[in-house]
């Protein structure tokens, strides 16, 4: 079963990447929130404005606070997606195969989340951006593409789960309870 071993190795790599993504999105969200706070506090400071003017940068506090808040919303969406990815890969590794009905259900759920969460985040970003009278765009193409990929991957995984349910366990007669040989050994013991 070399192919299943390769699938498990790939799942382990993806689990590690999901864990890294989970940590980085948490850190990113924290920095975005801190950035919004610092922009709000120091944005009207005369010293900061003079320093930025020397650098040739125009600074509009409202815009930068909006950018930081919208980035925090995007990162928060990323936290949720990374968490569900991590949970899926850990369950897959614990099962030892992606070809089980509960994992197929989780894979479909993951696909839907990858489509719906970025769309929801882009709607919230659009509302925040309109409320703060700035123009912030949130790209959802990557999330939707990943969601479609997960949904498409769930189809062969579902077929594999159906096939796995049809194939009887390949246990030897020594391991299978109820065979004539085992009944004879049980009577002797």
Protein backbone atom coordinates (compact mmCIF):
# COMPACT_ATOMS: atom_id res chain seq x y z
CA UNK A 1 0.00 0.00 0.00
CA UNK A 2 2.64 2.50 -1.05
CA UNK A 3 0.02 4.85 -2.41
CA UNK A 4 -1.76 5.06 0.95
CA UNK A 5 1.58 5.72 2.65
CA UNK A 6 2.19 8.60 0.20
CA UNK A 7 -1.28 9.97 0.96
CA UNK A 8 -0.52 9.81 4.69
CA UNK A 9 2.84 11.55 4.22
CA UNK A 10 1.13 14.28 2.19
CA UNK A 11 -1.57 14.61 4.87
CA UNK A 12 1.13 14.97 7.52
CA UNK A 13 2.86 17.72 5.52
CA UNK A 14 -0.48 19.47 5.01
CA UNK A 15 -1.23 19.16 8.74
CA UNK A 16 2.08 20.85 9.53
CA UNK A 17 1.37 23.60 7.00
CA UNK A 18 -2.13 24.08 8.44
CA UNK A 19 -0.64 24.39 11.93
CA UNK A 20 1.86 26.98 10.69
CA UNK A 21 -0.93 28.83 8.89
CA UNK A 22 -3.06 28.74 12.01
CA UNK A 23 -0.31 30.28 14.13
CA UNK A 24 0.58 32.88 11.50
CA UNK A 25 -3.03 34.00 11.03
CA UNK A 26 -3.40 34.43 14.78
CA UNK A 27 -0.23 36.52 14.86
CA UNK A 28 -1.38 38.46 11.79
CA UNK A 29 -4.73 39.23 13.37
CA UNK A 30 -3.04 40.46 16.56
CA UNK A 31 -0.70 42.73 14.59
CA UNK A 32 -3.56 44.10 12.49
CA UNK A 33 -5.58 44.95 15.60
CA UNK A 34 -2.51 46.54 17.21
CA UNK A 35 -1.86 48.45 14.00
CA UNK A 36 -5.40 49.82 14.01
CA UNK A 37 -5.03 50.86 17.64
CA UNK A 38 -1.65 52.53 17.07
CA UNK A 39 -2.90 54.31 13.93
CA UNK A 40 -5.85 55.61 15.91
CA UNK A 41 -3.69 56.75 18.82
CA UNK A 42 -0.64 58.12 17.01
CA UNK A 43 -2.24 59.09 13.69
CA UNK A 44 -2.96 62.64 14.81
CA UNK A 45 0.34 63.11 16.64
CA UNK A 46 2.23 66.12 15.23
CA UNK A 47 5.64 64.45 15.56
CA UNK A 48 4.49 61.39 13.63
CA UNK A 49 2.95 63.57 10.92
CA UNK A 50 6.17 65.60 10.56
CA UNK A 51 8.25 62.42 10.32
CA UNK A 52 5.91 61.00 7.67
CA UNK A 53 5.97 64.29 5.74
CA UNK A 54 9.78 64.17 5.66
CA UNK A 55 9.52 60.63 4.24
CA UNK A 56 7.13 61.90 1.60
CA UNK A 57 4.20 59.85 2.87
CA UNK A 58 0.72 61.20 3.28
CA UNK A 59 -1.11 59.66 6.18
CA UNK A 60 -4.86 59.66 6.59
CA UNK A 61 -5.65 58.07 9.93
CA UNK A 62 -9.12 56.90 8.95
CA UNK A 63 -7.80 55.05 5.89
CA UNK A 64 -5.01 53.26 7.72
CA UNK A 65 -7.29 52.27 10.60
CA UNK A 66 -9.72 50.89 8.01
CA UNK A 67 -6.93 48.96 6.26
CA UNK A 68 -5.84 47.42 9.56
CA UNK A 69 -9.38 46.52 10.61
CA UNK A 70 -10.16 44.97 7.21
CA UNK A 71 -6.90 43.02 7.28
CA UNK A 72 -7.80 41.76 10.78
CA UNK A 73 -11.15 40.56 9.40
CA UNK A 74 -9.36 38.72 6.61
CA UNK A 75 -6.92 37.17 9.08
CA UNK A 76 -9.77 36.13 11.36
CA UNK A 77 -11.34 34.32 8.41
CA UNK A 78 -7.96 32.69 7.84
CA UNK A 79 -7.83 31.56 11.48
CA UNK A 80 -11.12 29.72 11.07
CA UNK A 81 -10.07 28.10 7.79
CA UNK A 82 -6.68 27.05 9.15
CA UNK A 83 -8.33 25.60 12.26
CA UNK A 84 -10.76 23.50 10.23
CA UNK A 85 -7.96 22.39 7.88
CA UNK A 86 -5.85 21.36 10.86
CA UNK A 87 -8.74 19.49 12.43
CA UNK A 88 -9.44 17.64 9.17
CA UNK A 89 -5.84 16.53 8.63
CA UNK A 90 -5.48 15.39 12.23
CA UNK A 91 -8.65 13.31 11.88
CA UNK A 92 -7.41 11.88 8.59
CA UNK A 93 -4.07 10.89 10.10
CA UNK A 94 -5.81 9.33 13.11
CA UNK A 95 -8.06 7.29 10.81
CA UNK A 96 -5.11 6.17 8.70
CA UNK A 97 -7.00 6.66 5.46
CA UNK A 98 -9.05 9.41 3.81
CA UNK A 99 -11.57 6.82 2.61
CA UNK A 100 -14.09 6.88 5.43
CA UNK A 101 -17.58 8.36 5.33
CA UNK A 102 -17.04 10.72 8.31
CA UNK A 103 -13.89 12.14 6.69
CA UNK A 104 -15.67 12.58 3.36
CA UNK A 105 -18.36 14.54 5.22
CA UNK A 106 -15.65 16.69 6.85
CA UNK A 107 -13.98 17.22 3.47
CA UNK A 108 -17.25 18.50 1.98
CA UNK A 109 -17.77 20.75 5.01
CA UNK A 110 -14.23 22.06 4.57
CA UNK A 111 -14.92 22.81 0.91
CA UNK A 112 -18.08 24.74 1.77
CA UNK A 113 -16.26 26.67 4.50
CA UNK A 114 -13.51 27.62 2.04
CA UNK A 115 -16.18 29.09 -0.20
CA UNK A 116 -18.48 30.70 2.37
CA UNK A 117 -16.02 32.20 4.89
CA UNK A 118 -14.09 34.35 2.37
CA UNK A 119 -17.37 35.55 0.86
CA UNK A 120 -18.68 36.44 4.34
CA UNK A 121 -15.39 38.18 5.17
CA UNK A 122 -15.52 40.18 1.93
CA UNK A 123 -19.07 41.31 2.76
CA UNK A 124 -17.99 42.43 6.25
CA UNK A 125 -14.93 44.19 4.75
CA UNK A 126 -17.18 45.97 2.24
CA UNK A 127 -19.47 47.14 5.06
CA UNK A 128 -16.55 48.38 7.19
CA UNK A 129 -14.95 50.04 4.18
CA UNK A 130 -18.19 51.81 3.25
CA UNK A 131 -18.77 52.90 6.85
CA UNK A 132 -15.27 54.40 7.02
CA UNK A 133 -15.57 55.88 3.50
CA UNK A 134 -12.49 54.13 2.11
CA UNK A 135 -11.96 51.71 -0.73
CA UNK A 136 -10.70 48.34 0.48
CA UNK A 137 -11.02 45.23 -1.67
CA UNK A 138 -10.91 41.69 -0.37
CA UNK A 139 -9.97 38.94 -2.81
CA UNK A 140 -12.05 35.77 -2.44
CA UNK A 141 -10.82 33.93 -5.54
CA UNK A 142 -8.25 31.84 -3.64
CA UNK A 143 -10.73 30.70 -1.03
CA UNK A 144 -13.38 29.83 -3.57
CA UNK A 145 -10.85 27.92 -5.68
CA UNK A 146 -9.68 25.95 -2.64
CA UNK A 147 -13.29 25.24 -1.71
CA UNK A 148 -14.06 23.91 -5.17
CA UNK A 149 -10.90 21.76 -5.03
CA UNK A 150 -11.95 20.29 -1.66
CA UNK A 151 -15.45 19.59 -2.95
CA UNK A 152 -14.03 17.89 -6.05
CA UNK A 153 -11.62 15.84 -3.91
CA UNK A 154 -14.52 14.66 -1.80
CA UNK A 155 -16.01 12.84 -4.81
CA UNK A 156 -13.21 10.25 -5.32
CA UNK A 157 -12.79 10.03 -1.53
CA UNK A 158 -16.49 9.18 -1.25
CA UNK A 159 -16.10 6.54 -3.95
CA UNK A 160 -13.07 5.13 -2.12
CA UNK A 161 -15.09 5.01 1.11
CA UNK A 162 -17.83 3.10 -0.71
CA UNK A 163 -15.27 0.63 -2.07
CA UNK A 164 -13.64 0.24 1.34
CA UNK A 165 -17.04 -0.61 2.83
CA UNK A 166 -17.55 -3.34 0.21
CA UNK A 167 -14.18 -5.03 0.69
CA UNK A 168 -14.18 -7.40 3.69
CA UNK A 169 -11.37 -7.13 6.20
CA UNK A 170 -8.43 -9.21 5.08
CA UNK A 171 -7.80 -10.94 8.38
CA UNK A 172 -6.22 -14.33 8.53
CA UNK A 173 -8.27 -17.26 9.93
CA UNK A 174 -6.28 -16.99 13.17
CA UNK A 175 -7.59 -13.46 13.71
CA UNK A 176 -11.16 -14.00 12.60
CA UNK A 177 -13.41 -15.05 15.47
CA UNK A 178 -15.99 -17.72 14.83
CA UNK A 179 -14.06 -19.88 12.33
CA UNK A 180 -13.93 -23.64 12.80
CA UNK A 181 -10.23 -23.57 13.68
CA UNK A 182 -10.72 -20.90 16.34
CA UNK A 183 -13.71 -22.73 17.85
CA UNK A 184 -11.62 -25.88 18.15
CA UNK A 185 -8.79 -23.96 19.84
CA UNK A 186 -11.25 -22.29 22.23
CA UNK A 187 -12.67 -25.68 23.21
CA UNK A 188 -9.17 -27.05 23.87
CA UNK A 189 -8.27 -24.06 26.07
